[in-house]
Amino acid sequence: MLRTLLRLVLPAAALALAACTTVSRDPVADELLLLVSIDGFRWDYLDRYDTPVLRALAADGVRARRMTPSFPSKTFPNHFTLVTGLYPGNHGIVANWFYEPGTGDKFDMARLEPHWWQGGEPVWITAEKRGVRTACYFWPGSETEYQGRRATFFQPWDKKQTNPQRVDGLLAWLDRPAAGRPRLATLYFDSVDHAGHTYGPESPETAAAVQEADAAIGRLLAGLERLGLRERTNLVLVSDHGMSPCGPDRVIFFEDLMDVSKVRIEATGPVGGVRALDGNHAALAAGIRARAPPQLKVWLREEVPARLHYRASDRIAPIVLVCDDHWNIEERRGWGAKRLTYNPGNHGWDPATPNMGALFLARGPAFRRGVVIGDFENIHVYHLLCRVLGVRPARNDGDGRLARQVLRP
């Protein structure tokens, strides 16, 4: 009786386990996946400005009303989150610049040494490990080795390259025989972010930059059509964060909150960070709170709200200072000159802030048609990319909820 029962139960249990652990859609060998980032493209730019190409893709594919970035809503942390599925506090790229506490070494956006980046596995490495050829035409972290691996093709960062040059460079990689063509590729544009910082998110210059990015996507689609690849290409379009108006009239100064000779300032802007040189962070935080204006929240790292997922890394400053939307925290030193050129647009604030919302569009043979989904966190994009490729994801903080909403059954 027991033997008969086992014969019935064990196969059913095995099937149930397989159903729970399977993470891949059936791969289609001749489908391509292009992940394109338009840095600083706020979620509402799609309707606010002239974007005929992007609107057509949204109407024919999947559009999110808004994608929520991870905290802090900065470029490098969120680009690495998009391709690893890990919150910045877990993958270790916790800001655009930060310090390694053990050595005092400073990370900035030019640092490519592998040790900074090993907290997460980007999707191009996940794919390469499983025999999928990949290409990165710019993406934060794409020039770095991971466990001795890189994308098969990668382009070193060159900010002087125009959007058309970037598109044509990627198309040249795709214009190869199928056996040598990448199946996954990334592409990155930064002109919208630059305009938003320099002129503000609601300026004519930002509107023009959005139109330029829209035209670049049109050029990409035309190139795919010319190569006979468009209908076999799954295109995922994202941004890393939004953009909010600000200015020199809404600035809080570190010097008004503490004796700056007794701290190391480790972050400025929408999110500030300080480290007490004597190690007494509780006392320092208490003193800052006593002087802080109402536009500033002051937390010890271990007090940062759990919803922000910003406690795990010791690269995060021991005291985190988060400004309200439109406000920044800066040093008074050198302020006279800095005030004259202070950016009228910025990002980095709490991801729940409406202006920090990001773009998500997807169109291709793997995706549903004419679907609008609600807000979701960007940690789920990595899992989706792996599903489209048919590869098993590495450890990440996301899950399959986005894939279930947007992929065809």
Protein backbone atom coordinates (compact mmCIF):
# COMPACT_ATOMS: atom_id res chain seq x y z
CA MET A 1 0.00 0.00 0.00
CA LEU A 2 2.79 2.44 0.96
CA ARG A 3 4.71 1.58 -2.21
CA THR A 4 1.63 2.25 -4.34
CA LEU A 5 1.02 5.56 -2.56
CA LEU A 6 4.59 6.67 -3.14
CA ARG A 7 4.33 5.81 -6.82
CA LEU A 8 1.34 8.14 -7.04
CA VAL A 9 2.54 10.95 -4.78
CA LEU A 10 6.21 11.36 -5.69
CA PRO A 11 5.72 12.11 -9.40
CA ALA A 12 2.99 14.62 -8.55
CA ALA A 13 5.26 16.25 -5.96
CA ALA A 14 8.08 16.44 -8.49
CA LEU A 15 5.81 18.13 -10.99
CA ALA A 16 4.59 20.60 -8.37
CA LEU A 17 8.18 21.40 -7.38
CA ALA A 18 9.15 21.94 -10.99
CA ALA A 19 6.21 24.28 -11.45
CA CYS A 20 7.32 26.29 -8.44
CA THR A 21 10.98 26.55 -9.41
CA THR A 22 10.77 27.06 -13.16
CA VAL A 23 11.60 30.63 -14.06
CA SER A 24 11.98 30.60 -17.83
CA ARG A 25 9.59 31.02 -20.68
CA ASP A 26 10.26 28.76 -23.65
CA PRO A 27 13.14 30.52 -25.43
CA VAL A 28 12.78 31.44 -29.08
CA ALA A 29 16.23 31.09 -30.60
CA ASP A 30 15.87 33.73 -33.32
CA GLU A 31 14.31 36.43 -31.10
CA LEU A 32 16.45 39.36 -30.01
CA LEU A 33 16.11 41.39 -26.81
CA LEU A 34 17.12 45.06 -26.76
CA LEU A 35 17.17 46.93 -23.44
CA VAL A 36 17.25 50.68 -24.05
CA SER A 37 17.60 53.34 -21.36
CA ILE A 38 16.68 56.99 -21.82
CA ASP A 39 18.32 58.46 -18.73
CA GLY A 40 16.15 60.97 -16.87
CA PHE A 41 13.00 60.37 -18.95
CA ARG A 42 10.26 61.16 -16.43
CA TRP A 43 7.19 58.95 -16.67
CA ASP A 44 4.92 61.79 -17.84
CA TYR A 45 7.24 63.05 -20.62
CA LEU A 46 5.62 60.46 -22.87
CA ASP A 47 2.37 62.47 -22.91
CA ARG A 48 3.72 65.90 -22.00
CA TYR A 49 6.06 66.19 -25.00
CA ASP A 50 6.05 65.22 -28.68
CA THR A 51 6.89 61.49 -28.74
CA PRO A 52 5.16 59.89 -31.75
CA VAL A 53 7.51 56.88 -31.96
CA LEU A 54 7.33 56.05 -28.27
CA ARG A 55 3.56 56.55 -28.15
CA ALA A 56 3.10 54.19 -31.09
CA LEU A 57 5.22 51.55 -29.33
CA ALA A 58 3.18 52.02 -26.15
CA ALA A 59 -0.11 51.66 -28.02
CA ASP A 60 1.05 48.49 -29.77
CA GLY A 61 2.77 46.91 -26.78
CA VAL A 62 2.90 47.31 -23.01
CA ARG A 63 3.12 50.56 -21.10
CA ALA A 64 3.41 51.14 -17.36
CA ARG A 65 1.69 54.21 -16.02
CA ARG A 66 4.83 54.71 -13.94
CA MET A 67 7.85 52.67 -12.87
CA THR A 68 9.17 53.34 -9.37
CA PRO A 69 12.95 53.63 -9.14
CA SER A 70 14.98 52.36 -6.23
CA PHE A 71 16.36 54.62 -3.53
CA PRO A 72 18.26 56.84 -4.07
CA SER A 73 16.74 57.72 -7.44
CA LYS A 74 20.14 58.29 -9.02
CA THR A 75 21.65 57.09 -12.30
CA PHE A 76 24.25 54.50 -11.34
CA PRO A 77 22.30 52.80 -8.51
CA ASN A 78 19.19 52.43 -10.66
CA HIS A 79 20.88 51.32 -13.85
CA PHE A 80 22.57 48.57 -11.87
CA THR A 81 19.28 47.66 -10.21
CA LEU A 82 17.55 47.38 -13.60
CA VAL A 83 20.07 44.80 -14.80
CA THR A 84 20.60 42.88 -11.53
CA GLY A 85 17.19 42.97 -9.85
CA LEU A 86 18.84 44.02 -6.57
CA TYR A 87 18.18 47.12 -4.51
CA PRO A 88 21.20 49.47 -4.34
CA GLY A 89 21.64 48.64 -0.68
CA ASN A 90 22.11 45.00 -1.73
CA HIS A 91 24.20 45.35 -4.90
CA GLY A 92 26.51 47.95 -3.38
CA ILE A 93 26.37 50.79 -5.95
CA VAL A 94 24.63 52.92 -3.37
CA ALA A 95 25.01 56.33 -5.05
CA ASN A 96 26.75 58.03 -7.94
CA TRP A 97 29.64 58.60 -5.57
CA PHE A 98 30.39 57.09 -2.17
CA TYR A 99 33.24 55.86 0.02
CA GLU A 100 34.54 52.40 0.85
CA PRO A 101 34.55 52.68 4.65
CA GLY A 102 37.46 50.31 5.22
CA THR A 103 39.87 52.13 2.93
CA GLY A 104 38.33 55.57 2.42
CA ASP A 105 38.61 55.00 -1.33
CA LYS A 106 36.04 57.01 -3.26
CA PHE A 107 33.78 55.58 -5.97
CA ASP A 108 32.58 57.83 -8.74
CA MET A 109 31.06 57.24 -12.15
CA ALA A 110 34.46 56.67 -13.77
CA ARG A 111 35.49 53.81 -11.48
CA LEU A 112 35.53 50.52 -13.38
CA GLU A 113 37.62 48.34 -11.07
CA PRO A 114 35.74 45.05 -10.65
CA HIS A 115 35.68 45.03 -6.85
CA TRP A 116 33.18 47.92 -6.76
CA TRP A 117 30.65 46.01 -8.87
CA GLN A 118 30.65 42.45 -7.58
CA GLY A 119 27.53 42.76 -5.41
CA GLY A 120 25.23 41.85 -8.31
CA GLU A 121 25.22 39.86 -11.54
CA PRO A 122 24.09 41.95 -14.54
CA VAL A 123 21.82 40.32 -17.08
CA TRP A 124 24.48 40.22 -19.79
CA ILE A 125 26.65 38.06 -17.51
CA THR A 126 23.68 35.86 -16.57
CA ALA A 127 23.09 35.36 -20.30
CA GLU A 128 26.74 34.81 -21.24
CA LYS A 129 27.05 32.12 -18.55
CA ARG A 130 24.22 30.27 -20.25
CA GLY A 131 25.63 30.53 -23.76
CA VAL A 132 23.71 33.64 -24.93
CA ARG A 133 25.87 36.15 -26.79
CA THR A 134 25.44 39.74 -25.56
CA ALA A 135 26.43 43.31 -26.42
CA CYS A 136 26.47 46.55 -24.41
CA TYR A 137 26.50 49.85 -26.26
CA PHE A 138 26.93 51.81 -23.06
CA TRP A 139 25.41 50.94 -19.69
CA PRO A 140 26.76 51.78 -16.22
CA GLY A 141 28.98 48.86 -15.21
CA SER A 142 29.14 47.29 -18.67
CA GLU A 143 32.88 47.87 -19.06
CA THR A 144 33.65 45.94 -15.88
CA GLU A 145 34.60 42.27 -15.57
CA TYR A 146 32.39 40.00 -13.46
CA GLN A 147 34.04 36.77 -12.39
CA GLY A 148 36.36 37.18 -15.37
CA ARG A 149 33.51 37.73 -17.85
CA ARG A 150 32.22 40.61 -19.95
CA ALA A 151 29.64 40.99 -22.67
CA THR A 152 30.91 39.59 -25.98
CA PHE A 153 30.74 43.11 -27.43
CA PHE A 154 30.96 46.30 -25.38
CA GLN A 155 31.59 49.94 -26.18
CA PRO A 156 33.68 51.98 -23.71
CA TRP A 157 31.85 55.08 -22.53
CA ASP A 158 32.21 58.11 -24.79
CA LYS A 159 29.91 60.97 -23.82
CA LYS A 160 30.69 62.77 -27.10
CA GLN A 161 28.89 60.17 -29.19
CA THR A 162 25.58 61.48 -30.51
CA ASN A 163 22.36 59.51 -30.24
CA PRO A 164 22.44 58.57 -33.96
CA GLN A 165 26.04 57.37 -33.61
CA ARG A 166 25.04 55.14 -30.70
CA VAL A 167 22.13 53.67 -32.64
CA ASP A 168 24.28 53.01 -35.69
CA GLY A 169 26.99 51.42 -33.55
CA LEU A 170 24.51 48.96 -32.08
CA LEU A 171 22.98 48.23 -35.50
CA ALA A 172 26.46 47.41 -36.82
CA TRP A 173 26.75 44.67 -34.17
CA LEU A 174 23.34 43.33 -35.14
CA ASP A 175 24.22 43.33 -38.85
CA ARG A 176 26.02 40.01 -38.52
CA PRO A 177 25.16 36.47 -39.54
CA ALA A 178 22.84 34.86 -37.02
CA ALA A 179 25.62 32.68 -35.59
CA GLY A 180 27.66 35.73 -34.57
CA ARG A 181 24.87 38.16 -33.70
CA PRO A 182 24.15 39.09 -30.07
CA ARG A 183 20.73 37.99 -28.78
CA LEU A 184 20.76 40.51 -25.93
CA ALA A 185 21.97 44.10 -26.31
CA THR A 186 21.81 47.29 -24.25
CA LEU A 187 21.74 50.88 -25.47
CA TYR A 188 21.93 54.08 -23.42
CA PHE A 189 21.02 57.72 -24.09
CA ASP A 190 21.79 60.55 -21.66
CA SER A 191 20.63 63.68 -23.54
CA VAL A 192 17.26 63.95 -21.76
CA ASP A 193 18.88 63.74 -18.33
CA HIS A 194 21.45 66.38 -19.31
CA ALA A 195 18.75 68.76 -20.50
CA GLY A 196 16.63 68.20 -17.39
CA HIS A 197 19.55 69.07 -15.11
CA THR A 198 20.76 72.04 -17.14
CA TYR A 199 17.44 73.68 -18.05
CA GLY A 200 14.80 72.06 -15.81
CA PRO A 201 12.27 69.32 -16.56
CA GLU A 202 9.62 71.65 -17.97
CA SER A 203 11.88 73.68 -20.26
CA PRO A 204 11.81 73.93 -24.08
CA GLU A 205 15.31 72.41 -24.11
CA THR A 206 14.10 69.30 -22.29
CA ALA A 207 11.16 69.04 -24.68
CA ALA A 208 13.65 69.15 -27.58
CA ALA A 209 15.83 66.49 -25.94
CA VAL A 210 12.80 64.22 -25.54
CA GLN A 211 12.01 64.68 -29.24
CA GLU A 212 15.63 63.85 -30.07
CA ALA A 213 15.44 60.63 -28.03
CA ASP A 214 12.16 59.74 -29.71
CA ALA A 215 13.80 60.23 -33.11
CA ALA A 216 16.71 58.00 -32.03
CA ILE A 217 14.28 55.19 -31.22
CA GLY A 218 12.71 55.74 -34.64
CA ARG A 219 16.16 55.40 -36.21
CA LEU A 220 16.71 52.17 -34.27
CA LEU A 221 13.39 50.72 -35.43
CA ALA A 222 14.10 51.69 -39.03
CA GLY A 223 17.49 50.01 -38.79
CA LEU A 224 15.96 46.84 -37.40
CA GLU A 225 13.45 46.89 -40.26
CA ARG A 226 16.25 47.28 -42.79
CA LEU A 227 18.09 44.29 -41.29
CA GLY A 228 14.92 42.19 -41.30
CA LEU A 229 14.98 41.97 -37.51
CA ARG A 230 12.19 44.24 -36.30
CA GLU A 231 9.43 41.65 -35.91
CA ARG A 232 11.87 39.28 -34.18
CA THR A 233 13.04 41.91 -31.71
CA ASN A 234 11.71 42.34 -28.18
CA LEU A 235 12.30 45.95 -27.22
CA VAL A 236 12.25 47.03 -23.56
CA LEU A 237 12.49 50.79 -23.04
CA VAL A 238 13.19 52.13 -19.56
CA SER A 239 14.49 55.12 -17.71
CA ASP A 240 16.30 55.17 -14.40
CA HIS A 241 14.41 58.00 -12.66
CA GLY A 242 12.46 61.16 -13.25
CA MET A 243 13.39 64.80 -12.73
CA SER A 244 12.13 67.55 -10.42
CA PRO A 245 12.51 71.34 -10.49
CA CYS A 246 14.82 72.84 -7.89
CA GLY A 247 17.11 75.80 -7.46
CA PRO A 248 19.53 77.73 -5.21
CA ASP A 249 16.66 79.24 -3.23
CA ARG A 250 15.76 75.84 -1.75
CA VAL A 251 19.05 74.66 -0.26
CA ILE A 252 19.93 73.47 3.25
CA PHE A 253 23.57 73.80 4.33
CA PHE A 254 25.54 71.20 6.27
CA GLU A 255 27.32 73.98 8.16
CA ASP A 256 24.00 75.10 9.70
CA LEU A 257 23.43 71.61 11.13
CA MET A 258 26.83 70.47 12.42
CA ASP A 259 30.52 71.22 12.82
CA VAL A 260 31.70 70.03 9.42
CA SER A 261 35.31 69.78 10.62
CA LYS A 262 34.23 66.76 12.68
CA VAL A 263 32.54 64.79 9.88
CA ARG A 264 33.18 63.43 6.42
CA ILE A 265 30.46 64.52 4.02
CA GLU A 266 29.65 61.48 1.89
CA ALA A 267 26.64 62.62 -0.11
CA THR A 268 25.07 65.92 -1.19
CA GLY A 269 21.99 66.95 -3.16
CA PRO A 270 18.52 65.49 -2.56
CA VAL A 271 20.12 62.89 -0.26
CA GLY A 272 22.94 63.84 2.06
CA GLY A 273 25.22 61.60 4.07
CA VAL A 274 27.74 62.17 6.84
CA ARG A 275 30.13 60.06 8.89
CA ALA A 276 31.32 61.23 12.33
CA LEU A 277 35.10 61.19 12.52
CA ASP A 278 34.90 60.13 16.19
CA GLY A 279 32.43 57.35 15.42
CA ASN A 280 29.70 58.73 17.70
CA HIS A 281 26.91 58.78 15.14
CA ALA A 282 24.02 58.70 17.60
CA ALA A 283 25.14 61.96 19.19
CA LEU A 284 25.79 63.55 15.82
CA ALA A 285 22.34 62.54 14.54
CA ALA A 286 20.68 63.95 17.65
CA GLY A 287 22.45 67.27 17.18
CA ILE A 288 21.46 67.45 13.51
CA ARG A 289 17.82 66.67 14.32
CA ALA A 290 17.75 69.52 16.83
CA ARG A 291 18.77 71.99 14.10
CA ALA A 292 17.11 70.46 11.04
CA PRO A 293 14.46 72.45 9.17
CA PRO A 294 11.11 70.77 8.43
CA GLN A 295 12.20 69.98 4.85
CA LEU A 296 14.85 67.51 6.06
CA LYS A 297 14.53 63.97 7.48
CA VAL A 298 17.46 62.71 9.55
CA TRP A 299 18.04 58.97 10.03
CA LEU A 300 20.75 56.75 11.32
CA ARG A 301 21.38 54.15 8.63
CA GLU A 302 19.64 51.47 10.68
CA GLU A 303 16.59 53.77 11.00
CA VAL A 304 16.06 54.32 7.26
CA PRO A 305 12.48 53.15 6.55
CA ALA A 306 12.35 49.50 5.50
CA ARG A 307 10.43 50.38 2.32
CA LEU A 308 13.56 52.14 0.98
CA HIS A 309 15.78 49.02 1.38
CA TYR A 310 18.76 51.21 2.21
CA ARG A 311 20.41 49.73 5.27
CA ALA A 312 22.34 46.63 4.18
CA SER A 313 25.58 48.11 2.81
CA ASP A 314 28.27 49.73 4.93
CA ARG A 315 28.98 51.92 1.90
CA ILE A 316 25.87 53.87 2.92
CA ALA A 317 26.78 56.78 5.18
CA PRO A 318 25.98 56.15 8.87
CA ILE A 319 23.69 59.21 8.88
CA VAL A 320 21.31 59.67 5.95
CA LEU A 321 19.71 63.06 5.34
CA VAL A 322 16.75 63.06 2.93
CA CYS A 323 15.34 66.33 1.64
CA ASP A 324 11.75 66.97 0.61
CA ASP A 325 11.08 67.20 -3.12
CA HIS A 326 12.68 70.32 -4.72
CA TRP A 327 15.14 70.75 -1.82
CA ASN A 328 18.87 69.92 -1.69
CA ILE A 329 21.54 69.82 0.97
CA GLU A 330 24.93 71.30 0.09
CA GLU A 331 28.17 72.61 1.56
CA ARG A 332 28.45 76.36 2.06
CA ARG A 333 32.09 76.20 1.00
CA GLY A 334 32.35 77.54 -2.55
CA TRP A 335 28.63 78.32 -2.62
CA GLY A 336 29.02 81.80 -4.10
CA ALA A 337 30.30 80.43 -7.41
CA LYS A 338 28.16 77.32 -7.35
CA ARG A 339 24.97 79.29 -6.82
CA LEU A 340 25.40 81.04 -10.16
CA THR A 341 25.28 77.75 -12.10
CA TYR A 342 23.08 75.67 -9.79
CA ASN A 343 21.03 73.13 -11.74
CA PRO A 344 17.31 73.92 -12.06
CA GLY A 345 16.54 70.18 -12.23
CA ASN A 346 17.65 67.19 -10.17
CA HIS A 347 16.71 63.70 -9.00
CA GLY A 348 17.56 61.42 -6.10
CA TRP A 349 14.57 62.03 -3.82
CA ASP A 350 12.28 59.40 -2.32
CA PRO A 351 11.16 57.14 -5.20
CA ALA A 352 7.52 57.57 -4.13
CA THR A 353 7.77 61.26 -5.04
CA PRO A 354 5.63 61.70 -8.19
CA ASN A 355 8.37 63.48 -10.14
CA MET A 356 10.82 60.60 -9.60
CA GLY A 357 8.69 58.12 -11.59
CA ALA A 358 10.41 56.43 -14.56
CA LEU A 359 9.44 55.12 -18.00
CA PHE A 360 8.66 51.51 -18.93
CA LEU A 361 7.55 50.38 -22.41
CA ALA A 362 7.87 46.97 -24.07
CA ARG A 363 6.99 45.77 -27.53
CA GLY A 364 7.80 42.59 -29.46
CA PRO A 365 6.78 38.98 -30.09
CA ALA A 366 7.11 38.04 -26.42
CA PHE A 367 4.84 40.83 -25.16
CA ARG A 368 1.11 41.40 -24.93
CA ARG A 369 -0.41 44.05 -27.18
CA GLY A 370 -2.21 47.22 -26.14
CA VAL A 371 -1.78 46.69 -22.38
CA VAL A 372 -1.40 49.39 -19.72
CA ILE A 373 -0.20 48.23 -16.29
CA GLY A 374 0.05 50.05 -12.97
CA ASP A 375 3.04 51.25 -11.04
CA PHE A 376 5.71 48.67 -10.20
CA GLU A 377 9.23 48.66 -8.71
CA ASN A 378 12.18 48.48 -11.08
CA ILE A 379 13.68 45.47 -9.26
CA HIS A 380 11.36 43.27 -11.34
CA VAL A 381 12.84 44.22 -14.74
CA TYR A 382 15.82 41.84 -14.43
CA HIS A 383 13.56 38.85 -13.85
CA LEU A 384 11.50 39.86 -16.90
CA LEU A 385 14.60 40.08 -19.10
CA CYS A 386 15.69 36.61 -18.01
CA ARG A 387 12.24 35.25 -18.80
CA VAL A 388 12.33 36.71 -22.31
CA LEU A 389 15.78 35.20 -22.89
CA GLY A 390 14.76 31.87 -21.39
CA VAL A 391 17.59 31.85 -18.82
CA ARG A 392 17.48 31.27 -15.09
CA PRO A 393 18.08 34.49 -13.14
CA ALA A 394 20.78 34.90 -10.52
CA ARG A 395 19.85 35.85 -6.95
CA ASN A 396 17.76 39.04 -6.99
CA ASP A 397 15.14 40.99 -5.04
CA GLY A 398 12.45 40.86 -7.73
CA ASP A 399 10.04 38.14 -8.79
CA GLY A 400 7.85 37.11 -11.70
CA ARG A 401 4.92 39.49 -11.15
CA LEU A 402 5.95 41.89 -13.95
CA ALA A 403 6.60 39.02 -16.36
CA ARG A 404 3.16 37.59 -15.64
CA GLN A 405 1.53 40.94 -16.41
CA VAL A 406 3.32 41.75 -19.66
CA LEU A 407 4.37 38.52 -21.39
CA ARG A 408 2.17 36.53 -23.69
CA PRO A 409 1.04 33.21 -22.21
